[in-house]
Amino acid sequence: MMMNAVGFLKRHARKDTAVVEPAPLPVVGTTAQAVEQVRSAGAWPHVVDGSELVNKRMMLCAIAAQLSFPEWAGRNLDALYDCLIDLSWLPSGEHVLIWSGYQVLAEHDPKAYRGIGSVLVAAAQESGERVFRAVCTTD
C-alpha cells in the first residue's frame, strides 16, 4: 500500500466493496461520555453531530457553527485550519470538538473525511492560547 500526501494509506477496493476508513482522531466512547469527560477536565465541549453530514461543505459549516467561527471565515480546509489554531473569539481555555457519526462522512465522501481529519489533527498540534483538541465518538 502507498501513502498519500497527508499520511493516510491509499486503498484500492473493488467497486462493489466498501472500504471502512479508520477514525482520524481518538475515539473516546459515546458523545455523552465525551462531553462529561471534557467538562470534568474544565474544557469547553463543542459537539458536531455528523449523522447527516455527507459532504465537505456540510461538515465545514457544522464545525464553523459549533465553534462560532467569525462570518468572514471561509469554508475550506485552509480557513478551517486558520480558525482552529486561533479561536480568539471564544472564551479562554481548552476547546474540544466532539465529532459523532464520523463514519457517515467517511462513507459518503472519503476524500473530504481524510482532509478534514488531517486538518483537525494538525490544528490540535499547533493550537495557540486557546487549546484545541478533537475526538470522535462511537455513536
C-alpha atoms as a PDB file:
ATOM      1  CA  MET A   1       0.000   0.000   0.000  1.00  0.00           C
ATOM      2  CA  MET A   2       1.115   3.547  -0.679  1.00  0.00           C
ATOM      3  CA  MET A   3       0.773   6.647   1.490  1.00  0.00           C
ATOM      4  CA  ASN A   4      -0.907   9.764   0.161  1.00  0.00           C
ATOM      5  CA  ALA A   5       0.231  13.353   0.811  1.00  0.00           C
ATOM      6  CA  VAL A   6      -1.371  13.585   4.256  1.00  0.00           C
ATOM      7  CA  GLY A   7      -0.182  10.220   5.540  1.00  0.00           C
ATOM      8  CA  PHE A   8      -3.278   8.086   5.017  1.00  0.00           C
ATOM      9  CA  LEU A   9      -2.920   4.754   3.300  1.00  0.00           C
ATOM     10  CA  LYS A  10      -4.241   4.675  -0.229  1.00  0.00           C
ATOM     11  CA  ARG A  11      -6.629   1.796  -0.514  1.00  0.00           C
ATOM     12  CA  HIS A  12      -7.786   0.131  -3.646  1.00  0.00           C
ATOM     13  CA  ALA A  13     -11.115  -1.627  -3.467  1.00  0.00           C
ATOM     14  CA  ARG A  14     -13.441  -3.255  -5.916  1.00  0.00           C
ATOM     15  CA  LYS A  15     -16.345  -1.014  -6.837  1.00  0.00           C
ATOM     16  CA  ASP A  16     -18.817  -3.314  -5.069  1.00  0.00           C
ATOM     17  CA  THR A  17     -16.806  -3.421  -1.832  1.00  0.00           C
ATOM     18  CA  ALA A  18     -16.982  -0.759   0.853  1.00  0.00           C
ATOM     19  CA  VAL A  19     -13.706   0.293   2.459  1.00  0.00           C
ATOM     20  CA  VAL A  20     -14.109   1.321   6.069  1.00  0.00           C
ATOM     21  CA  GLU A  21     -11.832   4.213   6.979  1.00  0.00           C
ATOM     22  CA  PRO A  22     -10.384   4.337  10.491  1.00  0.00           C
ATOM     23  CA  ALA A  23     -11.296   7.273  12.707  1.00  0.00           C
ATOM     24  CA  PRO A  24      -8.935  10.197  12.052  1.00  0.00           C
ATOM     25  CA  LEU A  25      -8.947  11.095  15.752  1.00  0.00           C
ATOM     26  CA  PRO A  26      -9.052   9.260  19.078  1.00  0.00           C
ATOM     27  CA  VAL A  27     -12.393   7.505  19.704  1.00  0.00           C
ATOM     28  CA  VAL A  28     -13.439   8.146  23.306  1.00  0.00           C
ATOM     29  CA  GLY A  29     -16.787   6.387  23.823  1.00  0.00           C
ATOM     30  CA  THR A  30     -20.237   7.897  23.442  1.00  0.00           C
ATOM     31  CA  THR A  31     -20.936  11.585  22.914  1.00  0.00           C
ATOM     32  CA  ALA A  32     -22.416  11.883  26.406  1.00  0.00           C
ATOM     33  CA  GLN A  33     -19.291  10.313  27.908  1.00  0.00           C
ATOM     34  CA  ALA A  34     -17.033  12.606  25.891  1.00  0.00           C
ATOM     35  CA  VAL A  35     -18.959  15.726  26.934  1.00  0.00           C
ATOM     36  CA  GLU A  36     -18.772  14.641  30.575  1.00  0.00           C
ATOM     37  CA  GLN A  37     -15.013  13.996  30.344  1.00  0.00           C
ATOM     38  CA  VAL A  38     -14.380  17.341  28.648  1.00  0.00           C
ATOM     39  CA  ARG A  39     -16.432  19.279  31.191  1.00  0.00           C
ATOM     40  CA  SER A  40     -14.854  17.475  34.145  1.00  0.00           C
ATOM     41  CA  ALA A  41     -11.442  18.494  32.776  1.00  0.00           C
ATOM     42  CA  GLY A  42     -12.580  22.128  32.764  1.00  0.00           C
ATOM     43  CA  ALA A  43     -12.676  22.374  28.968  1.00  0.00           C
ATOM     44  CA  TRP A  44     -15.392  23.561  26.578  1.00  0.00           C
ATOM     45  CA  PRO A  45     -17.182  20.795  24.586  1.00  0.00           C
ATOM     46  CA  HIS A  46     -18.383  21.525  21.034  1.00  0.00           C
ATOM     47  CA  VAL A  47     -20.438  18.641  19.608  1.00  0.00           C
ATOM     48  CA  VAL A  48     -20.779  18.102  15.862  1.00  0.00           C
ATOM     49  CA  ASP A  49     -23.453  15.518  15.035  1.00  0.00           C
ATOM     50  CA  GLY A  50     -22.164  14.050  11.803  1.00  0.00           C
ATOM     51  CA  SER A  51     -25.036  11.598  11.333  1.00  0.00           C
ATOM     52  CA  GLU A  52     -26.393  13.552   8.342  1.00  0.00           C
ATOM     53  CA  LEU A  53     -23.251  15.351   7.150  1.00  0.00           C
ATOM     54  CA  VAL A  54     -22.479  13.696   3.838  1.00  0.00           C
ATOM     55  CA  ASN A  55     -20.070  16.135   2.197  1.00  0.00           C
ATOM     56  CA  LYS A  56     -17.234  18.522   2.883  1.00  0.00           C
ATOM     57  CA  ARG A  57     -19.324  21.686   2.745  1.00  0.00           C
ATOM     58  CA  MET A  58     -21.856  20.377   5.271  1.00  0.00           C
ATOM     59  CA  MET A  59     -19.128  19.281   7.676  1.00  0.00           C
ATOM     60  CA  LEU A  60     -17.210  22.563   7.409  1.00  0.00           C
ATOM     61  CA  CYS A  61     -20.402  24.533   8.067  1.00  0.00           C
ATOM     62  CA  ALA A  62     -21.224  22.349  11.090  1.00  0.00           C
ATOM     63  CA  ILE A  63     -17.763  22.851  12.599  1.00  0.00           C
ATOM     64  CA  ALA A  64     -17.958  26.591  11.924  1.00  0.00           C
ATOM     65  CA  ALA A  65     -21.353  26.783  13.641  1.00  0.00           C
ATOM     66  CA  GLN A  66     -20.290  24.786  16.709  1.00  0.00           C
ATOM     67  CA  LEU A  67     -17.115  26.810  17.196  1.00  0.00           C
ATOM     68  CA  SER A  68     -18.811  30.129  16.352  1.00  0.00           C
ATOM     69  CA  PHE A  69     -16.395  30.961  13.539  1.00  0.00           C
ATOM     70  CA  PRO A  70     -16.493  34.630  12.510  1.00  0.00           C
ATOM     71  CA  GLU A  71     -18.650  35.497   9.488  1.00  0.00           C
ATOM     72  CA  TRP A  72     -15.547  36.367   7.452  1.00  0.00           C
ATOM     73  CA  ALA A  73     -14.098  32.859   7.822  1.00  0.00           C
ATOM     74  CA  GLY A  74     -14.058  30.859   4.609  1.00  0.00           C
ATOM     75  CA  ARG A  75     -15.455  27.365   4.260  1.00  0.00           C
ATOM     76  CA  ASN A  76     -12.418  25.478   3.023  1.00  0.00           C
ATOM     77  CA  LEU A  77      -9.671  23.423   4.648  1.00  0.00           C
ATOM     78  CA  ASP A  78      -7.175  26.305   4.846  1.00  0.00           C
ATOM     79  CA  ALA A  79      -9.735  28.532   6.583  1.00  0.00           C
ATOM     80  CA  LEU A  80     -10.685  25.674   8.910  1.00  0.00           C
ATOM     81  CA  TYR A  81      -7.063  25.280   9.977  1.00  0.00           C
ATOM     82  CA  ASP A  82      -6.556  29.029  10.415  1.00  0.00           C
ATOM     83  CA  CYS A  83      -9.642  29.331  12.607  1.00  0.00           C
ATOM     84  CA  LEU A  84      -8.837  26.262  14.705  1.00  0.00           C
ATOM     85  CA  ILE A  85      -5.373  27.497  15.634  1.00  0.00           C
ATOM     86  CA  ASP A  86      -6.772  30.924  16.567  1.00  0.00           C
ATOM     87  CA  LEU A  87     -10.162  30.642  18.360  1.00  0.00           C
ATOM     88  CA  SER A  88      -9.595  34.143  19.823  1.00  0.00           C
ATOM     89  CA  TRP A  89     -13.358  34.854  19.713  1.00  0.00           C
ATOM     90  CA  LEU A  90     -14.054  32.016  22.187  1.00  0.00           C
ATOM     91  CA  PRO A  91     -13.555  32.078  25.968  1.00  0.00           C
ATOM     92  CA  SER A  92     -10.056  31.259  27.213  1.00  0.00           C
ATOM     93  CA  GLY A  93      -9.272  27.638  27.899  1.00  0.00           C
ATOM     94  CA  GLU A  94      -9.319  24.346  26.074  1.00  0.00           C
ATOM     95  CA  HIS A  95     -11.944  23.713  23.387  1.00  0.00           C
ATOM     96  CA  VAL A  96     -12.723  20.150  22.324  1.00  0.00           C
ATOM     97  CA  LEU A  97     -14.563  19.298  19.120  1.00  0.00           C
ATOM     98  CA  ILE A  98     -16.547  16.092  19.661  1.00  0.00           C
ATOM     99  CA  TRP A  99     -17.412  14.502  16.300  1.00  0.00           C
ATOM    100  CA  SER A 100     -20.177  11.908  16.500  1.00  0.00           C
ATOM    101  CA  GLY A 101     -21.264   9.999  13.418  1.00  0.00           C
ATOM    102  CA  TYR A 102     -17.892  10.462  11.711  1.00  0.00           C
ATOM    103  CA  GLN A 103     -18.497   7.259   9.748  1.00  0.00           C
ATOM    104  CA  VAL A 104     -21.199   8.963   7.640  1.00  0.00           C
ATOM    105  CA  LEU A 105     -18.762  11.389   6.016  1.00  0.00           C
ATOM    106  CA  ALA A 106     -16.223   8.574   5.603  1.00  0.00           C
ATOM    107  CA  GLU A 107     -18.778   6.541   3.661  1.00  0.00           C
ATOM    108  CA  HIS A 108     -20.176   9.356   1.509  1.00  0.00           C
ATOM    109  CA  ASP A 109     -17.086  11.482   0.851  1.00  0.00           C
ATOM    110  CA  PRO A 110     -13.861   9.687   1.835  1.00  0.00           C
ATOM    111  CA  LYS A 111     -11.652  12.410   0.368  1.00  0.00           C
ATOM    112  CA  ALA A 112     -13.343  15.128   2.459  1.00  0.00           C
ATOM    113  CA  TYR A 113     -13.236  12.852   5.504  1.00  0.00           C
ATOM    114  CA  ARG A 114      -9.483  12.367   5.196  1.00  0.00           C
ATOM    115  CA  GLY A 115      -8.875  16.061   4.501  1.00  0.00           C
ATOM    116  CA  ILE A 116     -10.944  17.313   7.423  1.00  0.00           C
ATOM    117  CA  GLY A 117      -9.454  14.671   9.719  1.00  0.00           C
ATOM    118  CA  SER A 118      -5.947  15.750   8.734  1.00  0.00           C
ATOM    119  CA  VAL A 119      -6.737  19.404   9.432  1.00  0.00           C
ATOM    120  CA  LEU A 120      -8.240  18.593  12.838  1.00  0.00           C
ATOM    121  CA  VAL A 121      -5.147  16.590  13.805  1.00  0.00           C
ATOM    122  CA  ALA A 122      -2.754  19.287  12.550  1.00  0.00           C
ATOM    123  CA  ALA A 123      -4.641  22.097  14.288  1.00  0.00           C
ATOM    124  CA  ALA A 124      -4.640  20.202  17.581  1.00  0.00           C
ATOM    125  CA  GLN A 125      -0.852  20.013  17.377  1.00  0.00           C
ATOM    126  CA  GLU A 126      -0.484  23.727  16.615  1.00  0.00           C
ATOM    127  CA  SER A 127      -3.176  25.389  18.698  1.00  0.00           C
ATOM    128  CA  GLY A 128      -2.331  28.621  20.466  1.00  0.00           C
ATOM    129  CA  GLU A 129      -3.569  30.314  23.643  1.00  0.00           C
ATOM    130  CA  ARG A 130      -6.944  28.594  23.358  1.00  0.00           C
ATOM    131  CA  VAL A 131      -6.020  24.942  23.153  1.00  0.00           C
ATOM    132  CA  PHE A 132      -7.898  22.933  20.519  1.00  0.00           C
ATOM    133  CA  ARG A 133      -8.462  19.187  20.578  1.00  0.00           C
ATOM    134  CA  ALA A 134     -10.772  16.932  18.629  1.00  0.00           C
ATOM    135  CA  VAL A 135     -12.130  13.451  19.269  1.00  0.00           C
ATOM    136  CA  CYS A 136     -14.580  11.052  17.640  1.00  0.00           C
ATOM    137  CA  THR A 137     -17.292   9.099  19.432  1.00  0.00           C
ATOM    138  CA  THR A 138     -18.831   5.677  18.921  1.00  0.00           C
ATOM    139  CA  ASP A 139     -22.389   6.921  18.400  1.00  0.00           C
END
